Amino acid sequence: MSPLAPYACDPARSRGRRYAEVPAPTRTEYQRDRDRIVHSTAFRRLVYKTQVFLNHEGDLFRTRLTHSLEVAQLGRSIARSLRINEDLVEAVSLAHDLGHTPFGHAGQDALHGCMAAYGGFEHNLQSLRVVDRLEERYPAFDGLNLTFEAREGILKHCSQAHARALEAQEPGGVGERFLLRRQPSLEAQLCNLADEIAYNAHDIDDGVRSGLLTLEQLRDVPLFDRYRSAAQAEYPGLRAPSAQRRLLNESIRRMLSDQVYDVIDATQQALDEVQPADVEAVRAAPALVGFSAGMRVQSQELKRFLFRNLYRHSQVMEMTGRAQQVVRDLFAAYLAEPGEMKPRFAARAQAADTADARARVVADFIAGMTDRYAGREHERLTGQQLLA
């Protein structure tokens, strides 16, 4: 393995953990972070949380867990070529969606609406809450006690109001960069882009597999269509109706590979121009990890296509509406009767001294639910079966 570049995050120079711990004898600090994430309860729940299609709609559609694994794979491949820290990239990739609600972005939007009067809801901030506070595994502290660099990467977006609150709790901590408008590490920047690359690709796959998208429609997407055309030119047999699954897989494979190489080349060019001496120089520079200008335009075109034709498809929207109703009903029920939640959440809600604090406990409980648990709880509390 090539040595780390000087601008990579070096676990020997980590800014450390919030609670001091004796170093592990056989693992670096970032390897230890990754292992803690993999063994967490929140990570296991991702297997039953929606990506686009609700968990009960099919066994082969992506979930938050399979999405996170794909992000980690892409991130590590790129990190290796750039000589930045693969273990940190993997840790952040596996943890970046730990705070996501059931029912994907539909659930997040509904919960944010419910929390509008109590400080709102941001799934990135919730992921940080999971690893800082909500996991209960260790006798000496709440959360997973991850390194600063892992926590910095998990919190990829944050409102100014929430950043100020974080800074008040932890001066100079993970909220500071949002107030100073600085960048995170290269590893964190890479995870953010690998997330985008992964979901664009697998949402095409799941969209076609579901029947809501067709390969004919995808002819209108230049980024995809050129790889489809190239695959058919090299393998004429892929034109046969019976070979459409292979054609889809090969087209997506080529698209992913080209995007990975584009990111490596564009990022290396940016690094050569800026020549950051260390991680702090990376944080002070403009964003350095990215696509070339041409690939960025085509990626944005693909995102717009998916938004119009998949995320806003009538079948997806119908189920989205039901899922959002489930979240709103659960929030109202638990806020009125905290004792309906699991005992540790009920105890926290009853001990809360403000309405905001009580609502936040309810949000923590709902955000941690899987799709099917939320559906069962909704049926128990309301007698309705909205997600059958």
Protein backbone atom coordinates (compact mmCIF):
# COMPACT_ATOMS: atom_id res chain seq x y z
CA MET A 1 0.00 0.00 0.00
CA SER A 2 1.29 3.47 -0.90
CA PRO A 3 2.14 5.78 2.01
CA LEU A 4 -0.43 8.40 2.91
CA ALA A 5 -0.14 11.78 1.24
CA PRO A 6 0.79 14.67 3.57
CA TYR A 7 -2.74 16.11 3.22
CA ALA A 8 -4.42 12.85 4.25
CA CYS A 9 -5.82 12.27 7.72
CA ASP A 10 -3.25 10.32 9.68
CA PRO A 11 -4.73 8.36 12.62
CA ALA A 12 -1.53 8.98 14.59
CA ARG A 13 -2.30 12.71 14.37
CA SER A 14 -6.02 12.53 15.04
CA ARG A 15 -7.61 15.35 17.02
CA GLY A 16 -8.82 12.57 19.28
CA ARG A 17 -12.01 11.46 20.96
CA ARG A 18 -14.24 13.42 23.29
CA TYR A 19 -13.47 10.89 26.04
CA ALA A 20 -9.87 9.74 26.27
CA GLU A 21 -9.29 6.03 25.74
CA VAL A 22 -6.26 3.75 25.72
CA PRO A 23 -5.29 3.10 22.06
CA ALA A 24 -6.14 -0.31 20.61
CA PRO A 25 -3.03 -2.52 20.30
CA THR A 26 -3.75 -3.85 16.79
CA ARG A 27 -5.95 -1.22 15.12
CA THR A 28 -5.55 2.41 14.15
CA GLU A 29 -7.99 4.96 15.53
CA TYR A 30 -10.00 5.05 12.28
CA GLN A 31 -10.15 1.26 12.05
CA ARG A 32 -11.52 1.29 15.57
CA ASP A 33 -14.15 3.86 14.52
CA ARG A 34 -15.21 1.66 11.62
CA ASP A 35 -15.52 -1.40 13.82
CA ARG A 36 -17.63 0.45 16.38
CA ILE A 37 -19.98 1.63 13.65
CA VAL A 38 -20.38 -1.86 12.17
CA HIS A 39 -21.25 -3.30 15.59
CA SER A 40 -23.74 -0.56 16.46
CA THR A 41 -27.47 -1.11 16.72
CA ALA A 42 -28.16 1.82 14.40
CA PHE A 43 -26.05 0.22 11.66
CA ARG A 44 -28.01 -3.04 11.83
CA ARG A 45 -31.28 -1.14 11.53
CA LEU A 46 -30.23 0.26 8.15
CA VAL A 47 -31.05 -3.08 6.51
CA TYR A 48 -34.75 -2.35 7.09
CA LYS A 49 -34.72 1.35 6.16
CA THR A 50 -35.85 2.69 2.81
CA GLN A 51 -33.61 4.03 0.08
CA VAL A 52 -36.29 4.84 -2.54
CA PHE A 53 -38.67 1.88 -2.34
CA LEU A 54 -40.21 0.99 1.00
CA ASN A 55 -38.75 -2.07 2.65
CA HIS A 56 -41.81 -4.27 2.08
CA GLU A 57 -42.02 -3.48 -1.64
CA GLY A 58 -39.32 -5.94 -2.74
CA ASP A 59 -36.39 -7.98 -1.47
CA LEU A 60 -33.82 -6.82 -4.05
CA PHE A 61 -34.18 -3.04 -3.86
CA ARG A 62 -31.46 -1.07 -2.11
CA THR A 63 -31.81 -0.28 1.55
CA ARG A 64 -29.84 2.25 3.58
CA LEU A 65 -27.46 -0.58 4.53
CA THR A 66 -26.67 -1.74 1.00
CA HIS A 67 -26.39 1.89 -0.09
CA SER A 68 -23.86 2.57 2.69
CA LEU A 69 -21.81 -0.46 1.65
CA GLU A 70 -21.75 0.76 -1.96
CA VAL A 71 -20.65 4.23 -0.84
CA ALA A 72 -17.85 2.65 1.20
CA GLN A 73 -16.67 0.55 -1.75
CA LEU A 74 -16.57 3.50 -4.13
CA GLY A 75 -14.95 5.72 -1.52
CA ARG A 76 -12.19 3.27 -0.71
CA SER A 77 -11.36 2.75 -4.38
CA ILE A 78 -10.95 6.48 -4.95
CA ALA A 79 -9.15 7.06 -1.63
CA ARG A 80 -6.51 4.47 -2.50
CA SER A 81 -5.64 6.24 -5.76
CA LEU A 82 -5.48 9.64 -4.04
CA ARG A 83 -3.41 8.25 -1.14
CA ILE A 84 -5.82 9.47 1.49
CA ASN A 85 -7.05 7.40 4.42
CA GLU A 86 -9.19 4.47 3.29
CA ASP A 87 -10.19 3.42 6.80
CA LEU A 88 -11.57 6.87 7.63
CA VAL A 89 -13.43 6.97 4.31
CA GLU A 90 -14.95 3.59 5.09
CA ALA A 91 -15.97 4.62 8.61
CA VAL A 92 -17.68 7.82 7.46
CA SER A 93 -19.35 6.05 4.54
CA LEU A 94 -20.82 3.37 6.79
CA ALA A 95 -22.04 5.94 9.34
CA HIS A 96 -23.31 8.76 7.15
CA ASP A 97 -26.93 7.57 7.12
CA LEU A 98 -27.24 6.27 10.70
CA GLY A 99 -29.62 9.11 11.54
CA HIS A 100 -31.93 8.62 8.60
CA THR A 101 -35.60 8.13 9.42
CA PRO A 102 -37.73 5.25 8.22
CA PHE A 103 -39.22 5.76 4.74
CA GLY A 104 -36.22 7.63 3.34
CA HIS A 105 -36.50 11.30 2.46
CA ALA A 106 -40.27 11.13 2.80
CA GLY A 107 -39.91 10.24 6.47
CA GLN A 108 -37.25 12.87 6.98
CA ASP A 109 -39.42 15.60 5.46
CA ALA A 110 -42.41 14.57 7.56
CA LEU A 111 -40.41 14.50 10.78
CA HIS A 112 -38.85 17.88 9.97
CA GLY A 113 -42.38 19.26 9.56
CA CYS A 114 -43.43 17.79 12.91
CA MET A 115 -40.34 19.29 14.57
CA ALA A 116 -40.67 22.73 12.94
CA ALA A 117 -41.76 24.34 16.22
CA TYR A 118 -39.08 22.47 18.22
CA GLY A 119 -35.85 23.16 16.31
CA GLY A 120 -36.43 21.09 13.18
CA PHE A 121 -34.88 17.79 12.10
CA GLU A 122 -31.73 17.26 10.00
CA HIS A 123 -30.73 13.68 9.25
CA ASN A 124 -27.00 14.55 9.18
CA LEU A 125 -27.25 16.10 12.61
CA GLN A 126 -29.23 13.06 13.73
CA SER A 127 -26.43 10.77 12.52
CA LEU A 128 -24.08 12.73 14.78
CA ARG A 129 -26.56 12.39 17.68
CA VAL A 130 -26.57 8.63 17.13
CA VAL A 131 -22.81 8.26 17.39
CA ASP A 132 -22.41 10.91 20.10
CA ARG A 133 -25.38 10.20 22.37
CA LEU A 134 -27.99 7.64 21.38
CA GLU A 135 -25.99 4.42 21.06
CA GLU A 136 -25.74 2.69 24.45
CA ARG A 137 -22.81 0.28 24.36
CA TYR A 138 -20.16 1.49 26.78
CA PRO A 139 -20.20 1.98 30.54
CA ALA A 140 -18.09 5.15 30.58
CA PHE A 141 -19.89 7.30 28.00
CA ASP A 142 -22.91 7.63 25.73
CA GLY A 143 -22.55 7.04 22.01
CA LEU A 144 -19.58 5.47 20.22
CA ASN A 145 -16.93 8.08 21.15
CA LEU A 146 -15.62 8.31 17.58
CA THR A 147 -12.65 10.41 16.55
CA PHE A 148 -13.09 14.06 15.60
CA GLU A 149 -12.32 13.24 11.97
CA ALA A 150 -15.05 10.59 11.73
CA ARG A 151 -17.59 12.89 13.39
CA GLU A 152 -16.55 15.75 11.10
CA GLY A 153 -17.25 13.56 8.07
CA ILE A 154 -20.61 12.33 9.35
CA LEU A 155 -21.85 15.91 9.79
CA LYS A 156 -21.67 16.87 6.13
CA HIS A 157 -24.51 19.45 6.28
CA CYS A 158 -25.60 21.64 9.18
CA SER A 159 -27.71 24.78 9.52
CA GLN A 160 -26.14 27.87 11.05
CA ALA A 161 -28.47 27.64 14.04
CA HIS A 162 -27.51 24.05 14.75
CA ALA A 163 -23.83 24.82 14.14
CA ARG A 164 -23.97 27.57 16.76
CA ALA A 165 -25.60 25.16 19.21
CA LEU A 166 -22.89 22.56 18.56
CA GLU A 167 -20.17 25.18 18.98
CA ALA A 168 -21.62 26.22 22.33
CA GLN A 169 -21.56 22.61 23.52
CA GLU A 170 -18.14 21.78 22.03
CA PRO A 171 -16.02 24.89 21.28
CA GLY A 172 -13.76 24.29 18.32
CA GLY A 173 -15.59 21.06 17.55
CA VAL A 174 -17.42 19.71 14.53
CA GLY A 175 -19.79 22.66 14.28
CA GLU A 176 -17.06 25.27 13.94
CA ARG A 177 -16.35 24.78 10.24
CA PHE A 178 -19.91 25.67 9.28
CA LEU A 179 -19.57 28.98 11.11
CA LEU A 180 -16.16 29.70 9.58
CA ARG A 181 -17.24 28.35 6.16
CA ARG A 182 -14.30 25.98 5.98
CA GLN A 183 -14.10 22.57 4.34
CA PRO A 184 -13.83 19.18 6.06
CA SER A 185 -11.02 16.71 5.35
CA LEU A 186 -10.52 15.21 1.90
CA GLU A 187 -11.85 11.94 3.27
CA ALA A 188 -15.10 13.62 4.31
CA GLN A 189 -15.38 15.46 0.98
CA LEU A 190 -14.90 12.16 -0.84
CA CYS A 191 -17.63 10.40 1.13
CA ASN A 192 -20.06 13.15 0.20
CA LEU A 193 -19.35 12.69 -3.52
CA ALA A 194 -19.26 8.87 -3.33
CA ASP A 195 -22.73 9.07 -1.77
CA GLU A 196 -24.00 10.98 -4.83
CA ILE A 197 -22.32 8.61 -7.31
CA ALA A 198 -23.73 5.55 -5.56
CA TYR A 199 -27.33 6.66 -5.29
CA ASN A 200 -27.53 7.94 -8.86
CA ALA A 201 -26.34 4.57 -10.15
CA HIS A 202 -28.37 2.31 -7.93
CA ASP A 203 -31.53 4.37 -8.28
CA ILE A 204 -31.32 3.76 -12.04
CA ASP A 205 -30.97 0.04 -11.34
CA ASP A 206 -33.82 -0.08 -8.83
CA GLY A 207 -35.99 2.16 -11.00
CA VAL A 208 -35.68 -0.14 -14.01
CA ARG A 209 -36.00 -3.27 -11.88
CA SER A 210 -39.24 -1.89 -10.42
CA GLY A 211 -40.68 -1.14 -13.85
CA LEU A 212 -41.03 2.57 -13.09
CA LEU A 213 -38.16 3.45 -15.46
CA THR A 214 -37.31 1.95 -18.84
CA LEU A 215 -34.09 1.72 -20.81
CA GLU A 216 -35.90 3.61 -23.57
CA GLN A 217 -36.49 6.55 -21.21
CA LEU A 218 -32.83 6.54 -20.26
CA ARG A 219 -31.88 7.36 -23.84
CA ASP A 220 -32.67 10.95 -22.81
CA VAL A 221 -29.86 10.91 -20.24
CA PRO A 222 -26.50 11.52 -21.98
CA LEU A 223 -24.44 10.29 -19.03
CA PHE A 224 -26.14 6.88 -19.15
CA ASP A 225 -26.90 6.56 -22.86
CA ARG A 226 -23.31 6.78 -24.06
CA TYR A 227 -22.35 3.80 -21.91
CA ARG A 228 -25.39 1.86 -23.10
CA SER A 229 -24.41 2.57 -26.71
CA ALA A 230 -20.78 1.60 -26.11
CA ALA A 231 -21.81 -1.64 -24.40
CA GLN A 232 -24.09 -2.61 -27.29
CA ALA A 233 -21.41 -1.74 -29.83
CA GLU A 234 -18.90 -4.00 -28.09
CA TYR A 235 -21.42 -6.76 -27.32
CA PRO A 236 -24.12 -6.83 -30.04
CA GLY A 237 -25.90 -9.62 -28.19
CA LEU A 238 -26.96 -7.03 -25.60
CA ARG A 239 -29.50 -5.71 -28.12
CA ALA A 240 -31.65 -8.81 -27.60
CA PRO A 241 -34.73 -8.36 -25.36
CA SER A 242 -33.55 -11.28 -23.24
CA ALA A 243 -30.27 -9.47 -22.51
CA GLN A 244 -31.71 -6.26 -21.07
CA ARG A 245 -30.67 -7.06 -17.51
CA ARG A 246 -27.08 -7.62 -18.64
CA LEU A 247 -27.25 -4.42 -20.70
CA LEU A 248 -28.41 -2.42 -17.70
CA ASN A 249 -25.72 -3.86 -15.45
CA GLU A 250 -22.95 -3.28 -17.99
CA SER A 251 -24.07 0.28 -18.69
CA ILE A 252 -24.14 1.14 -14.98
CA ARG A 253 -20.76 -0.55 -14.44
CA ARG A 254 -19.18 1.56 -17.17
CA MET A 255 -20.82 4.73 -15.88
CA LEU A 256 -19.55 4.10 -12.36
CA SER A 257 -16.02 3.35 -13.54
CA ASP A 258 -15.87 6.48 -15.67
CA GLN A 259 -17.13 8.63 -12.80
CA VAL A 260 -14.58 7.16 -10.41
CA TYR A 261 -11.70 7.89 -12.81
CA ASP A 262 -13.09 11.37 -13.45
CA VAL A 263 -13.12 12.15 -9.72
CA ILE A 264 -9.58 10.84 -9.30
CA ASP A 265 -8.26 12.92 -12.19
CA ALA A 266 -10.18 16.12 -11.33
CA THR A 267 -9.29 15.90 -7.65
CA GLN A 268 -5.63 15.20 -8.31
CA GLN A 269 -5.53 18.21 -10.61
CA ALA A 270 -7.06 20.39 -7.87
CA LEU A 271 -4.55 19.05 -5.35
CA ASP A 272 -1.66 19.75 -7.71
CA GLU A 273 -2.87 23.34 -8.13
CA VAL A 274 -3.44 24.08 -4.43
CA GLN A 275 -0.68 21.82 -3.03
CA PRO A 276 -2.05 21.66 0.53
CA ALA A 277 0.73 20.90 2.99
CA ASP A 278 -1.49 19.14 5.51
CA VAL A 279 -5.06 18.51 6.62
CA GLU A 280 -5.49 22.02 8.00
CA ALA A 281 -4.50 23.44 4.63
CA VAL A 282 -7.20 21.28 3.05
CA ARG A 283 -9.76 22.69 5.48
CA ALA A 284 -8.74 26.26 4.61
CA ALA A 285 -8.86 25.67 0.83
CA PRO A 286 -11.92 25.55 -1.44
CA ALA A 287 -13.52 22.11 -1.91
CA LEU A 288 -10.94 19.92 -3.63
CA VAL A 289 -12.76 16.63 -4.25
CA GLY A 290 -15.07 16.79 -7.22
CA PHE A 291 -16.00 15.93 -10.78
CA SER A 292 -14.60 17.64 -13.83
CA ALA A 293 -16.87 20.43 -15.09
CA GLY A 294 -18.30 18.25 -17.87
CA MET A 295 -19.03 15.28 -15.61
CA ARG A 296 -20.64 17.57 -13.02
CA VAL A 297 -23.09 18.91 -15.63
CA GLN A 298 -23.99 15.39 -16.79
CA SER A 299 -24.39 14.14 -13.22
CA GLN A 300 -26.77 17.00 -12.48
CA GLU A 301 -28.78 16.13 -15.61
CA LEU A 302 -29.09 12.57 -14.36
CA LYS A 303 -30.27 13.77 -10.94
CA ARG A 304 -32.94 15.93 -12.56
CA PHE A 305 -34.09 12.99 -14.68
CA LEU A 306 -34.39 10.74 -11.61
CA PHE A 307 -36.25 13.45 -9.70
CA ARG A 308 -38.83 13.89 -12.47
CA ASN A 309 -39.26 10.29 -13.53
CA LEU A 310 -38.59 8.19 -10.41
CA TYR A 311 -38.79 10.17 -7.17
CA ARG A 312 -41.92 11.98 -8.41
CA HIS A 313 -43.46 8.95 -10.12
CA SER A 314 -47.13 8.59 -9.16
CA GLN A 315 -46.58 5.17 -7.55
CA VAL A 316 -43.66 6.44 -5.47
CA MET A 317 -45.60 9.56 -4.50
CA GLU A 318 -48.62 7.55 -3.40
CA MET A 319 -46.52 5.45 -1.04
CA THR A 320 -44.59 8.56 0.05
CA GLY A 321 -47.84 10.19 1.15
CA ARG A 322 -48.82 7.17 3.23
CA ALA A 323 -45.36 6.96 4.81
CA GLN A 324 -45.45 10.62 5.77
CA GLN A 325 -48.85 10.15 7.36
CA VAL A 326 -47.44 7.31 9.44
CA VAL A 327 -44.63 9.56 10.73
CA ARG A 328 -46.99 12.45 11.51
CA ASP A 329 -49.43 10.19 13.35
CA LEU A 330 -46.65 8.55 15.36
CA PHE A 331 -45.21 11.91 16.37
CA ALA A 332 -48.58 13.19 17.55
CA ALA A 333 -49.33 9.98 19.44
CA TYR A 334 -46.00 9.81 21.27
CA LEU A 335 -45.97 13.51 22.07
CA ALA A 336 -49.40 13.16 23.67
CA GLU A 337 -48.59 9.86 25.42
CA PRO A 338 -44.82 9.42 25.90
CA GLY A 339 -45.45 6.19 27.77
CA GLU A 340 -46.30 4.53 24.45
CA MET A 341 -42.61 4.65 23.49
CA LYS A 342 -39.98 2.12 24.54
CA PRO A 343 -39.21 2.47 28.28
CA ARG A 344 -35.88 4.31 27.96
CA PHE A 345 -37.38 6.88 25.60
CA ALA A 346 -40.51 7.21 27.72
CA ALA A 347 -38.32 7.88 30.77
CA ARG A 348 -36.32 10.52 28.89
CA ALA A 349 -39.48 12.23 27.68
CA GLN A 350 -41.01 12.28 31.15
CA ALA A 351 -37.79 13.74 32.58
CA ALA A 352 -37.59 16.45 29.89
CA ASP A 353 -38.03 19.93 31.36
CA THR A 354 -39.12 21.72 28.16
CA ALA A 355 -41.48 21.04 25.28
CA ASP A 356 -38.52 21.19 22.87
CA ALA A 357 -36.62 18.54 24.82
CA ARG A 358 -39.66 16.28 24.99
CA ALA A 359 -40.27 16.59 21.25
CA ARG A 360 -36.61 15.82 20.56
CA VAL A 361 -36.93 12.53 22.44
CA VAL A 362 -39.92 11.63 20.28
CA ALA A 363 -37.94 12.53 17.16
CA ASP A 364 -35.02 10.36 18.34
CA PHE A 365 -37.37 7.43 18.83
CA ILE A 366 -39.08 7.76 15.45
CA ALA A 367 -35.83 8.40 13.55
CA GLY A 368 -34.40 5.16 14.93
CA MET A 369 -37.29 3.05 13.65
CA THR A 370 -37.12 0.68 10.71
CA ASP A 371 -39.82 0.90 8.05
CA ARG A 372 -41.67 -2.17 9.25
CA TYR A 373 -41.46 -1.29 12.95
CA ALA A 374 -42.92 2.15 12.20
CA GLY A 375 -45.73 0.52 10.25
CA ARG A 376 -46.50 -1.91 13.07
CA GLU A 377 -46.43 0.84 15.69
CA HIS A 378 -48.74 2.97 13.60
CA GLU A 379 -51.21 0.11 13.25
CA ARG A 380 -51.04 -0.58 17.01
CA LEU A 381 -51.69 3.03 17.92
CA THR A 382 -54.25 3.98 15.26
CA GLY A 383 -55.79 0.71 14.09
CA GLN A 384 -54.96 1.72 10.49
CA GLN A 385 -52.82 -0.28 8.05
CA LEU A 386 -51.47 2.31 5.63
CA LEU A 387 -48.50 0.41 4.23
CA ALA A 388 -49.97 -2.96 3.34
